[in-house]
């Protein structure tokens, strides 16, 4: 059976001006409000933990190993890079989804060039500044990404499509000198010939 997280099996995948590394986090929670009162509780919690609410900041929030990404109105992804998670208000729904994602850190001077080949999002620093977050289609797969530095991006890939997405990134990196033989590509399952007759 294939490793459900091909990125964890990846040691490095380096090329000219590109570096691929696993991005490890301790937990991911999807937070949701469902009413005005619930949204108010979520905003109050954001202020107490991050010093601002997402709606006021208009961007992602970061504090003490925590990241808060706004994925939709009244929806957030809370990413904890350490084990400790803050207490959440009872008025906010929190769904653990750590096992649903794998993380990839892509950096180097060609990282933007590589993502621009595959992702339907404007990656210019004027549009996606350092710390900014976007949800985009990358080879038809919905991924979350954050500009983690001038030439660095953190990607959350759905675990069910991570191997395909990582393969697409590696294939697109061939022009920069990447070697995709570092990836484990499982042998496709073989089927026995089936006997049938037409009557």
N, C-alpha and C. Protein backbone atom coordinates (compact mmCIF):
# COMPACT_ATOMS: atom_id res chain seq x y z
N UNK A 1 0.84 -1.19 0.00
CA UNK A 1 0.00 0.00 0.00
C UNK A 1 0.88 1.25 0.00
N UNK A 2 0.51 2.26 -0.78
CA UNK A 2 1.30 3.48 -0.89
C UNK A 2 1.25 4.26 0.41
N UNK A 3 2.35 4.97 0.67
CA UNK A 3 2.40 5.85 1.83
C UNK A 3 1.32 6.93 1.65
N UNK A 4 0.42 7.12 2.64
CA UNK A 4 -0.63 8.13 2.49
C UNK A 4 -0.07 9.55 2.46
N UNK A 5 1.17 9.73 2.89
CA UNK A 5 1.77 11.05 2.90
C UNK A 5 3.10 10.99 2.15
N UNK A 6 3.08 11.18 0.82
CA UNK A 6 4.33 11.09 0.06
C UNK A 6 5.32 12.17 0.42
N UNK A 7 4.85 13.29 0.97
CA UNK A 7 5.76 14.37 1.31
C UNK A 7 6.64 13.98 2.49
N UNK A 8 6.10 13.19 3.44
CA UNK A 8 6.91 12.72 4.56
C UNK A 8 8.03 11.80 4.07
N UNK A 9 7.79 11.07 3.00
CA UNK A 9 8.81 10.18 2.45
C UNK A 9 9.84 10.95 1.63
N UNK A 10 9.55 12.18 1.33
CA UNK A 10 10.44 13.02 0.53
C UNK A 10 11.53 13.58 1.43
N UNK A 11 12.78 13.29 1.11
CA UNK A 11 13.87 13.89 1.88
C UNK A 11 14.08 15.30 1.37
N UNK A 12 14.45 15.42 0.12
CA UNK A 12 14.54 16.73 -0.52
C UNK A 12 14.24 16.53 -1.99
N UNK A 13 13.84 17.56 -2.65
CA UNK A 13 13.72 17.57 -4.10
C UNK A 13 14.21 18.94 -4.53
N UNK A 14 15.51 19.02 -4.77
CA UNK A 14 16.12 20.31 -5.05
C UNK A 14 16.39 20.46 -6.53
N UNK A 15 16.36 21.68 -6.98
CA UNK A 15 16.65 22.01 -8.35
C UNK A 15 17.33 23.36 -8.36
N UNK A 16 17.53 23.91 -9.54
CA UNK A 16 18.16 25.22 -9.65
C UNK A 16 17.19 26.28 -9.14
N UNK A 17 17.49 26.84 -7.97
CA UNK A 17 16.63 27.88 -7.40
C UNK A 17 15.36 27.37 -6.79
N UNK A 18 15.29 26.07 -6.47
CA UNK A 18 14.09 25.47 -5.87
C UNK A 18 14.49 24.50 -4.78
N UNK A 19 13.70 24.48 -3.71
CA UNK A 19 13.89 23.50 -2.66
C UNK A 19 12.53 23.07 -2.16
N UNK A 20 12.28 21.76 -2.13
CA UNK A 20 11.03 21.19 -1.62
C UNK A 20 11.36 20.53 -0.28
N UNK A 21 10.54 20.81 0.75
CA UNK A 21 10.73 20.18 2.05
C UNK A 21 9.36 19.88 2.65
N UNK A 22 9.27 18.85 3.48
CA UNK A 22 8.03 18.68 4.25
C UNK A 22 7.83 19.85 5.19
N UNK A 23 6.61 20.31 5.32
CA UNK A 23 6.25 21.33 6.31
C UNK A 23 5.42 20.59 7.36
N UNK A 24 5.95 20.49 8.56
CA UNK A 24 5.30 19.71 9.61
C UNK A 24 4.55 20.62 10.57
N UNK A 25 3.37 20.20 10.94
CA UNK A 25 2.56 20.93 11.91
C UNK A 25 1.98 19.92 12.88
N UNK A 26 1.59 20.38 14.05
CA UNK A 26 1.07 19.47 15.08
C UNK A 26 -0.42 19.22 14.90
N UNK A 27 -1.17 20.26 14.52
CA UNK A 27 -2.63 20.10 14.43
C UNK A 27 -3.22 21.16 13.51
N UNK A 28 -4.33 20.78 12.90
CA UNK A 28 -5.13 21.73 12.11
C UNK A 28 -6.58 21.57 12.55
N UNK A 29 -7.23 22.70 12.84
CA UNK A 29 -8.65 22.72 13.15
C UNK A 29 -9.35 23.61 12.14
N UNK A 30 -10.50 23.17 11.69
CA UNK A 30 -11.35 24.05 10.89
C UNK A 30 -12.35 24.69 11.83
N UNK A 31 -12.33 26.01 11.89
CA UNK A 31 -13.22 26.75 12.77
C UNK A 31 -14.36 27.34 11.96
N UNK A 32 -15.55 27.35 12.53
CA UNK A 32 -16.71 27.89 11.81
C UNK A 32 -17.67 28.56 12.78
N UNK A 33 -18.16 29.71 12.35
CA UNK A 33 -19.26 30.37 13.05
C UNK A 33 -20.53 30.15 12.23
N UNK A 34 -21.70 30.20 12.89
CA UNK A 34 -22.94 29.89 12.17
C UNK A 34 -24.02 30.96 12.35
N UNK A 35 -23.71 32.00 13.12
CA UNK A 35 -24.69 33.07 13.33
C UNK A 35 -23.91 34.35 13.65
N UNK A 36 -24.62 35.45 13.71
CA UNK A 36 -23.96 36.72 14.07
C UNK A 36 -23.31 36.62 15.45
N UNK A 37 -24.02 36.01 16.39
CA UNK A 37 -23.47 35.87 17.75
C UNK A 37 -22.24 34.98 17.74
N UNK A 38 -22.31 33.89 16.98
CA UNK A 38 -21.17 32.98 16.87
C UNK A 38 -19.99 33.67 16.20
N UNK A 39 -20.25 34.46 15.14
CA UNK A 39 -19.18 35.20 14.46
C UNK A 39 -18.56 36.22 15.41
N UNK A 40 -19.38 36.84 16.26
CA UNK A 40 -18.85 37.78 17.25
C UNK A 40 -17.95 37.08 18.25
N UNK A 41 -18.33 35.87 18.65
CA UNK A 41 -17.50 35.10 19.59
C UNK A 41 -16.18 34.72 18.93
N UNK A 42 -16.23 34.36 17.65
CA UNK A 42 -15.01 34.01 16.92
C UNK A 42 -14.08 35.22 16.82
N UNK A 43 -14.64 36.39 16.49
CA UNK A 43 -13.83 37.61 16.38
C UNK A 43 -13.22 37.98 17.74
N UNK A 44 -14.00 37.84 18.81
CA UNK A 44 -13.48 38.12 20.15
C UNK A 44 -12.34 37.17 20.52
N UNK A 45 -12.49 35.90 20.18
CA UNK A 45 -11.44 34.92 20.44
C UNK A 45 -10.18 35.27 19.64
N UNK A 46 -10.35 35.66 18.37
CA UNK A 46 -9.20 36.05 17.55
C UNK A 46 -8.45 37.22 18.18
N UNK A 47 -9.19 38.21 18.67
CA UNK A 47 -8.53 39.36 19.30
C UNK A 47 -7.75 38.94 20.55
N UNK A 48 -8.33 38.02 21.33
CA UNK A 48 -7.66 37.62 22.57
C UNK A 48 -6.40 36.80 22.30
N UNK A 49 -6.39 36.01 21.23
CA UNK A 49 -5.24 35.14 20.94
C UNK A 49 -4.22 35.84 20.04
N UNK A 50 -4.71 36.56 19.02
CA UNK A 50 -3.82 37.13 18.00
C UNK A 50 -3.66 38.65 18.09
N UNK A 51 -4.46 39.31 18.92
CA UNK A 51 -4.37 40.75 19.04
C UNK A 51 -5.18 41.51 18.00
N UNK A 52 -5.84 40.80 17.10
CA UNK A 52 -6.69 41.40 16.07
C UNK A 52 -7.62 40.32 15.56
N UNK A 53 -8.70 40.73 14.93
CA UNK A 53 -9.62 39.79 14.29
C UNK A 53 -9.30 39.75 12.80
N UNK A 54 -9.56 38.62 12.18
CA UNK A 54 -9.27 38.46 10.76
C UNK A 54 -9.98 39.54 9.95
N UNK A 55 -11.23 39.83 10.28
CA UNK A 55 -11.98 40.83 9.52
C UNK A 55 -11.34 42.20 9.61
N UNK A 56 -10.74 42.53 10.76
CA UNK A 56 -10.08 43.82 10.94
C UNK A 56 -8.72 43.83 10.24
N UNK A 57 -8.00 42.71 10.32
CA UNK A 57 -6.67 42.64 9.73
C UNK A 57 -6.74 42.50 8.22
N UNK A 58 -7.80 41.85 7.73
CA UNK A 58 -7.94 41.63 6.30
C UNK A 58 -6.94 40.64 5.76
N UNK A 59 -6.35 39.84 6.64
CA UNK A 59 -5.32 38.89 6.21
C UNK A 59 -5.18 37.80 7.25
N UNK A 60 -4.15 37.02 7.13
CA UNK A 60 -3.89 35.95 8.08
C UNK A 60 -3.40 36.53 9.39
N UNK A 61 -3.50 35.72 10.44
CA UNK A 61 -2.99 36.12 11.76
C UNK A 61 -1.99 35.08 12.23
N UNK A 62 -0.98 35.53 12.95
CA UNK A 62 0.06 34.64 13.45
C UNK A 62 0.41 35.04 14.88
N UNK A 63 0.58 34.04 15.73
CA UNK A 63 1.02 34.30 17.11
C UNK A 63 1.49 33.00 17.74
N UNK A 64 2.71 33.02 18.28
CA UNK A 64 3.20 31.91 19.09
C UNK A 64 3.05 30.53 18.48
N UNK A 65 3.47 30.34 17.25
CA UNK A 65 3.37 29.03 16.61
C UNK A 65 1.99 28.69 16.09
N UNK A 66 1.07 29.66 16.10
CA UNK A 66 -0.27 29.46 15.55
C UNK A 66 -0.45 30.33 14.31
N UNK A 67 -1.14 29.80 13.33
CA UNK A 67 -1.53 30.57 12.15
C UNK A 67 -3.04 30.44 11.99
N UNK A 68 -3.67 31.51 11.59
CA UNK A 68 -5.11 31.51 11.33
C UNK A 68 -5.33 31.99 9.91
N UNK A 69 -5.86 31.11 9.08
CA UNK A 69 -6.09 31.43 7.68
C UNK A 69 -7.59 31.56 7.42
N UNK A 70 -8.04 32.68 6.86
CA UNK A 70 -9.47 32.82 6.53
C UNK A 70 -9.78 32.12 5.21
N UNK A 71 -10.56 31.05 5.25
CA UNK A 71 -10.85 30.29 4.03
C UNK A 71 -12.18 30.68 3.40
N UNK A 72 -13.07 31.29 4.17
CA UNK A 72 -14.38 31.73 3.68
C UNK A 72 -14.97 32.61 4.78
N UNK A 73 -16.05 33.36 4.49
CA UNK A 73 -16.68 34.12 5.57
C UNK A 73 -17.07 33.18 6.72
N UNK A 74 -16.67 33.56 7.91
CA UNK A 74 -16.95 32.81 9.13
C UNK A 74 -16.28 31.44 9.15
N UNK A 75 -15.27 31.23 8.32
CA UNK A 75 -14.53 29.96 8.29
C UNK A 75 -13.04 30.25 8.40
N UNK A 76 -12.35 29.46 9.20
CA UNK A 76 -10.91 29.63 9.39
C UNK A 76 -10.23 28.26 9.44
N UNK A 77 -8.95 28.24 9.08
CA UNK A 77 -8.09 27.11 9.38
C UNK A 77 -7.12 27.57 10.46
N UNK A 78 -7.10 26.87 11.57
CA UNK A 78 -6.16 27.14 12.66
C UNK A 78 -5.07 26.09 12.58
N UNK A 79 -3.85 26.54 12.32
CA UNK A 79 -2.71 25.63 12.16
C UNK A 79 -1.77 25.84 13.33
N UNK A 80 -1.53 24.76 14.06
CA UNK A 80 -0.64 24.82 15.23
C UNK A 80 0.64 24.07 14.89
N UNK A 81 1.76 24.76 14.98
CA UNK A 81 3.04 24.10 14.72
C UNK A 81 3.62 23.50 16.00
N UNK A 82 3.00 23.77 17.12
CA UNK A 82 3.37 23.13 18.39
C UNK A 82 2.14 22.37 18.90
N UNK A 83 2.32 21.58 19.95
CA UNK A 83 1.23 20.74 20.43
C UNK A 83 0.11 21.50 21.12
N UNK A 84 0.42 22.64 21.72
CA UNK A 84 -0.57 23.35 22.52
C UNK A 84 -1.57 24.10 21.64
N UNK A 85 -2.84 23.87 21.89
CA UNK A 85 -3.91 24.60 21.21
C UNK A 85 -4.63 25.47 22.23
N UNK A 86 -4.99 26.69 21.85
CA UNK A 86 -5.71 27.55 22.80
C UNK A 86 -7.15 27.07 22.98
N UNK A 87 -7.74 27.41 24.10
CA UNK A 87 -9.15 27.10 24.33
C UNK A 87 -10.00 27.89 23.34
N UNK A 88 -11.06 27.26 22.88
CA UNK A 88 -11.96 27.89 21.91
C UNK A 88 -13.30 28.19 22.57
N UNK A 89 -13.98 29.25 22.13
CA UNK A 89 -15.30 29.53 22.71
C UNK A 89 -16.31 28.46 22.31
N UNK A 90 -17.26 28.20 23.19
CA UNK A 90 -18.28 27.18 22.93
C UNK A 90 -19.14 27.54 21.72
N UNK A 91 -19.22 28.82 21.38
CA UNK A 91 -20.07 29.27 20.28
C UNK A 91 -19.44 29.04 18.91
N UNK A 92 -18.23 28.51 18.86
CA UNK A 92 -17.52 28.29 17.60
C UNK A 92 -17.33 26.80 17.38
N UNK A 93 -17.70 26.31 16.21
CA UNK A 93 -17.50 24.90 15.88
C UNK A 93 -16.04 24.69 15.50
N UNK A 94 -15.44 23.60 15.99
CA UNK A 94 -14.05 23.26 15.69
C UNK A 94 -13.98 21.81 15.26
N UNK A 95 -13.55 21.59 14.04
CA UNK A 95 -13.47 20.23 13.50
C UNK A 95 -12.00 19.89 13.26
N UNK A 96 -11.47 18.86 13.94
CA UNK A 96 -10.08 18.47 13.69
C UNK A 96 -9.94 17.95 12.26
N UNK A 97 -8.93 18.44 11.54
CA UNK A 97 -8.71 17.94 10.17
C UNK A 97 -7.22 17.79 9.89
N UNK A 98 -6.44 17.50 10.94
CA UNK A 98 -5.00 17.34 10.78
C UNK A 98 -4.69 16.25 9.77
N UNK A 99 -5.38 15.13 9.85
CA UNK A 99 -5.12 14.01 8.96
C UNK A 99 -5.56 14.23 7.54
N UNK A 100 -6.28 15.32 7.28
CA UNK A 100 -6.77 15.57 5.93
C UNK A 100 -5.81 16.33 5.05
N UNK A 101 -4.70 16.81 5.63
CA UNK A 101 -3.75 17.62 4.87
C UNK A 101 -2.33 17.14 5.09
N UNK A 102 -1.48 17.40 4.11
CA UNK A 102 -0.04 17.29 4.27
C UNK A 102 0.55 18.64 3.89
N UNK A 103 1.71 18.95 4.47
CA UNK A 103 2.33 20.25 4.24
C UNK A 103 3.58 20.16 3.40
N UNK A 104 3.76 21.16 2.54
CA UNK A 104 4.94 21.25 1.70
C UNK A 104 5.48 22.67 1.77
N UNK A 105 6.76 22.81 2.01
CA UNK A 105 7.41 24.12 1.98
C UNK A 105 8.25 24.19 0.71
N UNK A 106 7.95 25.17 -0.11
CA UNK A 106 8.63 25.38 -1.38
C UNK A 106 9.35 26.71 -1.29
N UNK A 107 10.67 26.69 -1.48
CA UNK A 107 11.37 27.97 -1.44
C UNK A 107 12.48 28.01 -2.49
N UNK A 108 13.04 29.19 -2.65
CA UNK A 108 14.07 29.41 -3.66
C UNK A 108 13.61 30.45 -4.66
N UNK A 109 14.58 31.00 -5.39
CA UNK A 109 14.27 32.12 -6.29
C UNK A 109 13.36 31.73 -7.44
N UNK A 110 13.21 30.43 -7.73
CA UNK A 110 12.32 30.00 -8.81
C UNK A 110 10.98 29.47 -8.30
N UNK A 111 10.74 29.58 -7.00
CA UNK A 111 9.50 29.02 -6.43
C UNK A 111 8.26 29.67 -7.03
N UNK A 112 8.28 30.99 -7.17
CA UNK A 112 7.14 31.67 -7.76
C UNK A 112 6.94 31.27 -9.21
N UNK A 113 8.05 31.11 -9.95
CA UNK A 113 7.95 30.69 -11.36
C UNK A 113 7.29 29.31 -11.46
N UNK A 114 7.68 28.42 -10.56
CA UNK A 114 7.12 27.07 -10.59
C UNK A 114 5.62 27.09 -10.29
N UNK A 115 5.22 27.78 -9.22
CA UNK A 115 3.80 27.83 -8.86
C UNK A 115 2.98 28.54 -9.94
N UNK A 116 3.57 29.55 -10.58
CA UNK A 116 2.84 30.29 -11.62
C UNK A 116 2.50 29.40 -12.80
N UNK A 117 3.27 28.34 -13.02
CA UNK A 117 2.98 27.42 -14.12
C UNK A 117 1.74 26.58 -13.85
N UNK A 118 1.41 26.39 -12.57
CA UNK A 118 0.37 25.42 -12.21
C UNK A 118 -0.82 26.02 -11.48
N UNK A 119 -0.62 27.09 -10.73
CA UNK A 119 -1.66 27.60 -9.84
C UNK A 119 -2.39 28.79 -10.46
N UNK A 120 -3.70 28.76 -10.35
CA UNK A 120 -4.53 29.86 -10.87
C UNK A 120 -4.69 30.92 -9.80
N UNK A 121 -3.60 31.61 -9.49
CA UNK A 121 -3.61 32.70 -8.50
C UNK A 121 -2.48 33.66 -8.84
N UNK A 122 -2.70 34.94 -8.61
CA UNK A 122 -1.69 35.95 -8.89
C UNK A 122 -0.67 35.95 -7.75
N UNK A 123 0.57 35.56 -8.04
CA UNK A 123 1.60 35.41 -7.02
C UNK A 123 2.54 36.61 -6.94
N UNK A 124 2.23 37.67 -7.67
CA UNK A 124 3.07 38.86 -7.60
C UNK A 124 3.04 39.40 -6.17
N UNK A 125 4.17 39.85 -5.65
CA UNK A 125 4.20 40.36 -4.26
C UNK A 125 3.22 41.49 -3.99
N UNK A 126 2.83 42.24 -5.01
CA UNK A 126 1.83 43.29 -4.81
C UNK A 126 0.45 42.71 -4.54
N UNK A 127 0.22 41.49 -5.02
CA UNK A 127 -1.08 40.84 -4.84
C UNK A 127 -1.07 39.81 -3.71
N UNK A 128 0.05 39.12 -3.54
CA UNK A 128 0.20 38.12 -2.48
C UNK A 128 1.48 38.45 -1.73
N UNK A 129 1.35 39.35 -0.75
CA UNK A 129 2.52 39.81 0.01
C UNK A 129 2.95 38.75 1.02
N UNK A 130 4.10 38.95 1.60
CA UNK A 130 4.60 38.01 2.60
C UNK A 130 3.60 37.89 3.75
N UNK A 131 3.24 36.65 4.07
CA UNK A 131 2.25 36.38 5.10
C UNK A 131 0.85 36.21 4.57
N UNK A 132 0.59 36.64 3.32
CA UNK A 132 -0.75 36.53 2.75
C UNK A 132 -1.08 35.08 2.40
N UNK A 133 -2.36 34.79 2.36
CA UNK A 133 -2.88 33.44 2.15
C UNK A 133 -3.82 33.44 0.94
N UNK A 134 -3.84 32.32 0.23
CA UNK A 134 -4.78 32.17 -0.89
C UNK A 134 -5.18 30.70 -1.00
N UNK A 135 -6.37 30.49 -1.50
CA UNK A 135 -6.81 29.16 -1.89
C UNK A 135 -6.84 29.15 -3.41
N UNK A 136 -6.22 28.14 -4.01
CA UNK A 136 -6.06 28.13 -5.46
C UNK A 136 -6.22 26.72 -6.00
N UNK A 137 -6.45 26.64 -7.30
CA UNK A 137 -6.42 25.37 -8.01
C UNK A 137 -5.00 25.16 -8.52
N UNK A 138 -4.43 24.03 -8.16
CA UNK A 138 -3.11 23.67 -8.64
C UNK A 138 -3.26 22.35 -9.38
N UNK A 139 -3.20 22.42 -10.71
CA UNK A 139 -3.48 21.24 -11.53
C UNK A 139 -4.82 20.61 -11.15
N UNK A 140 -5.85 21.44 -11.02
CA UNK A 140 -7.23 21.03 -10.74
C UNK A 140 -7.45 20.57 -9.30
N UNK A 141 -6.43 20.65 -8.45
CA UNK A 141 -6.57 20.27 -7.04
C UNK A 141 -6.62 21.55 -6.20
N UNK A 142 -7.60 21.63 -5.31
CA UNK A 142 -7.72 22.80 -4.44
C UNK A 142 -6.69 22.72 -3.34
N UNK A 143 -5.80 23.74 -3.27
CA UNK A 143 -4.76 23.79 -2.25
C UNK A 143 -4.81 25.14 -1.54
N UNK A 144 -4.34 25.16 -0.31
CA UNK A 144 -4.18 26.39 0.44
C UNK A 144 -2.69 26.72 0.43
N UNK A 145 -2.37 27.98 0.23
CA UNK A 145 -0.96 28.37 0.24
C UNK A 145 -0.78 29.73 0.90
N UNK A 146 0.37 29.89 1.51
CA UNK A 146 0.73 31.14 2.16
C UNK A 146 2.14 31.53 1.73
N UNK A 147 2.30 32.81 1.41
CA UNK A 147 3.65 33.28 1.11
C UNK A 147 4.38 33.41 2.44
N UNK A 148 5.36 32.54 2.66
CA UNK A 148 6.06 32.48 3.94
C UNK A 148 7.32 33.34 3.95
N UNK A 149 7.70 33.86 2.80
CA UNK A 149 8.88 34.72 2.68
C UNK A 149 8.90 35.29 1.28
N UNK A 150 9.93 36.07 0.98
CA UNK A 150 10.00 36.68 -0.34
C UNK A 150 9.98 35.62 -1.44
N UNK A 151 10.68 34.50 -1.21
CA UNK A 151 10.75 33.42 -2.19
C UNK A 151 10.37 32.09 -1.57
N UNK A 152 9.41 32.09 -0.66
CA UNK A 152 9.01 30.86 0.03
C UNK A 152 7.50 30.77 0.14
N UNK A 153 6.98 29.56 -0.02
CA UNK A 153 5.55 29.32 0.07
C UNK A 153 5.31 28.06 0.89
N UNK A 154 4.31 28.11 1.76
CA UNK A 154 3.85 26.94 2.50
C UNK A 154 2.53 26.50 1.88
N UNK A 155 2.45 25.22 1.52
CA UNK A 155 1.26 24.68 0.88
C UNK A 155 0.63 23.61 1.75
N UNK A 156 -0.69 23.62 1.86
CA UNK A 156 -1.45 22.53 2.45
C UNK A 156 -2.14 21.80 1.31
N UNK A 157 -1.82 20.52 1.16
CA UNK A 157 -2.39 19.70 0.09
C UNK A 157 -3.34 18.68 0.70
N UNK A 158 -4.50 18.45 0.10
CA UNK A 158 -5.37 17.38 0.59
C UNK A 158 -4.62 16.05 0.51
N UNK A 159 -4.68 15.27 1.56
CA UNK A 159 -3.90 14.03 1.61
C UNK A 159 -4.31 13.08 0.49
N UNK A 160 -5.58 13.11 0.08
CA UNK A 160 -6.05 12.19 -0.95
C UNK A 160 -5.46 12.49 -2.32
N UNK A 161 -4.99 13.72 -2.53
CA UNK A 161 -4.43 14.09 -3.83
C UNK A 161 -2.98 14.56 -3.72
N UNK A 162 -2.36 14.35 -2.55
CA UNK A 162 -1.01 14.88 -2.32
C UNK A 162 0.01 14.27 -3.28
N UNK A 163 -0.08 12.97 -3.51
CA UNK A 163 0.90 12.33 -4.38
C UNK A 163 0.78 12.86 -5.81
N UNK A 164 -0.44 13.02 -6.29
CA UNK A 164 -0.64 13.58 -7.63
C UNK A 164 -0.10 15.00 -7.70
N UNK A 165 -0.42 15.82 -6.69
CA UNK A 165 -0.01 17.22 -6.70
C UNK A 165 1.51 17.36 -6.60
N UNK A 166 2.12 16.56 -5.74
CA UNK A 166 3.57 16.58 -5.62
C UNK A 166 4.22 16.15 -6.94
N UNK A 167 3.64 15.14 -7.59
CA UNK A 167 4.14 14.71 -8.89
C UNK A 167 4.03 15.80 -9.93
N UNK A 168 2.90 16.54 -9.91
CA UNK A 168 2.72 17.64 -10.86
C UNK A 168 3.76 18.73 -10.62
N UNK A 169 4.02 19.05 -9.35
CA UNK A 169 5.04 20.04 -9.03
C UNK A 169 6.42 19.58 -9.48
N UNK A 170 6.73 18.31 -9.23
CA UNK A 170 8.04 17.78 -9.62
C UNK A 170 8.19 17.77 -11.14
N UNK A 171 7.14 17.38 -11.85
CA UNK A 171 7.20 17.38 -13.31
C UNK A 171 7.40 18.80 -13.84
N UNK A 172 6.70 19.77 -13.24
CA UNK A 172 6.83 21.16 -13.68
C UNK A 172 8.22 21.71 -13.35
N UNK A 173 8.89 21.11 -12.36
CA UNK A 173 10.22 21.58 -11.95
C UNK A 173 11.34 20.98 -12.80
N UNK A 174 11.00 20.11 -13.74
CA UNK A 174 12.04 19.49 -14.57
C UNK A 174 12.87 20.54 -15.30
N UNK A 175 12.24 21.59 -15.77
CA UNK A 175 12.99 22.60 -16.52
C UNK A 175 14.00 23.34 -15.64
N UNK A 176 13.83 23.25 -14.31
CA UNK A 176 14.77 23.87 -13.39
C UNK A 176 15.81 22.88 -12.89
N UNK A 177 15.83 21.69 -13.45
CA UNK A 177 16.83 20.69 -13.08
C UNK A 177 16.42 19.75 -11.97
N UNK A 178 15.13 19.67 -11.64
CA UNK A 178 14.68 18.75 -10.58
C UNK A 178 14.82 17.31 -11.04
N UNK A 179 15.01 16.42 -10.09
CA UNK A 179 15.08 14.99 -10.38
C UNK A 179 13.89 14.32 -9.71
N UNK A 180 12.95 13.84 -10.51
CA UNK A 180 11.74 13.27 -9.93
C UNK A 180 11.92 11.82 -9.49
N UNK A 181 13.09 11.22 -9.75
CA UNK A 181 13.29 9.85 -9.32
C UNK A 181 13.39 9.75 -7.80
N UNK A 182 13.50 10.89 -7.11
CA UNK A 182 13.50 10.87 -5.64
C UNK A 182 12.12 10.56 -5.08
N UNK A 183 11.08 10.68 -5.92
CA UNK A 183 9.73 10.43 -5.45
C UNK A 183 9.41 8.94 -5.51
N UNK A 184 8.69 8.47 -4.54
CA UNK A 184 8.20 7.10 -4.57
C UNK A 184 6.90 7.08 -5.36
N UNK A 185 6.92 6.37 -6.46
CA UNK A 185 5.71 6.26 -7.27
C UNK A 185 5.30 4.78 -7.25
N UNK A 186 4.23 4.45 -6.54
CA UNK A 186 3.84 3.04 -6.43
C UNK A 186 3.46 2.46 -7.77
N UNK A 187 3.73 1.17 -7.91
CA UNK A 187 3.34 0.46 -9.13
C UNK A 187 1.82 0.40 -9.19
N UNK A 188 1.24 0.72 -10.34
CA UNK A 188 -0.22 0.64 -10.42
C UNK A 188 -0.69 -0.79 -10.23
N UNK A 189 -1.86 -0.99 -9.64
CA UNK A 189 -2.36 -2.35 -9.43
C UNK A 189 -2.59 -3.05 -10.76
N UNK A 190 -2.28 -4.33 -10.78
CA UNK A 190 -2.46 -5.13 -11.99
C UNK A 190 -3.74 -5.93 -11.89
N UNK A 191 -4.45 -6.02 -12.99
CA UNK A 191 -5.67 -6.83 -13.01
C UNK A 191 -5.44 -8.08 -13.82
N UNK A 192 -6.03 -9.16 -13.37
CA UNK A 192 -5.97 -10.41 -14.14
C UNK A 192 -6.88 -10.31 -15.35
N UNK A 193 -6.50 -10.96 -16.45
CA UNK A 193 -7.41 -10.95 -17.61
C UNK A 193 -8.74 -11.58 -17.25
N UNK A 194 -9.81 -11.03 -17.76
CA UNK A 194 -11.13 -11.56 -17.47
C UNK A 194 -11.67 -12.31 -18.69
N UNK A 195 -12.17 -13.49 -18.44
CA UNK A 195 -12.78 -14.26 -19.52
C UNK A 195 -14.25 -13.87 -19.65
N UNK A 196 -14.69 -13.67 -20.86
CA UNK A 196 -16.10 -13.37 -21.08
C UNK A 196 -16.49 -13.86 -22.45
N UNK A 197 -17.74 -14.01 -22.64
CA UNK A 197 -18.23 -14.44 -23.96
C UNK A 197 -19.40 -13.56 -24.34
N UNK A 198 -19.54 -13.36 -25.61
CA UNK A 198 -20.66 -12.59 -26.14
C UNK A 198 -21.72 -13.54 -26.63
N UNK A 199 -22.89 -13.57 -26.04
CA UNK A 199 -23.98 -14.45 -26.46
C UNK A 199 -25.26 -13.66 -26.52
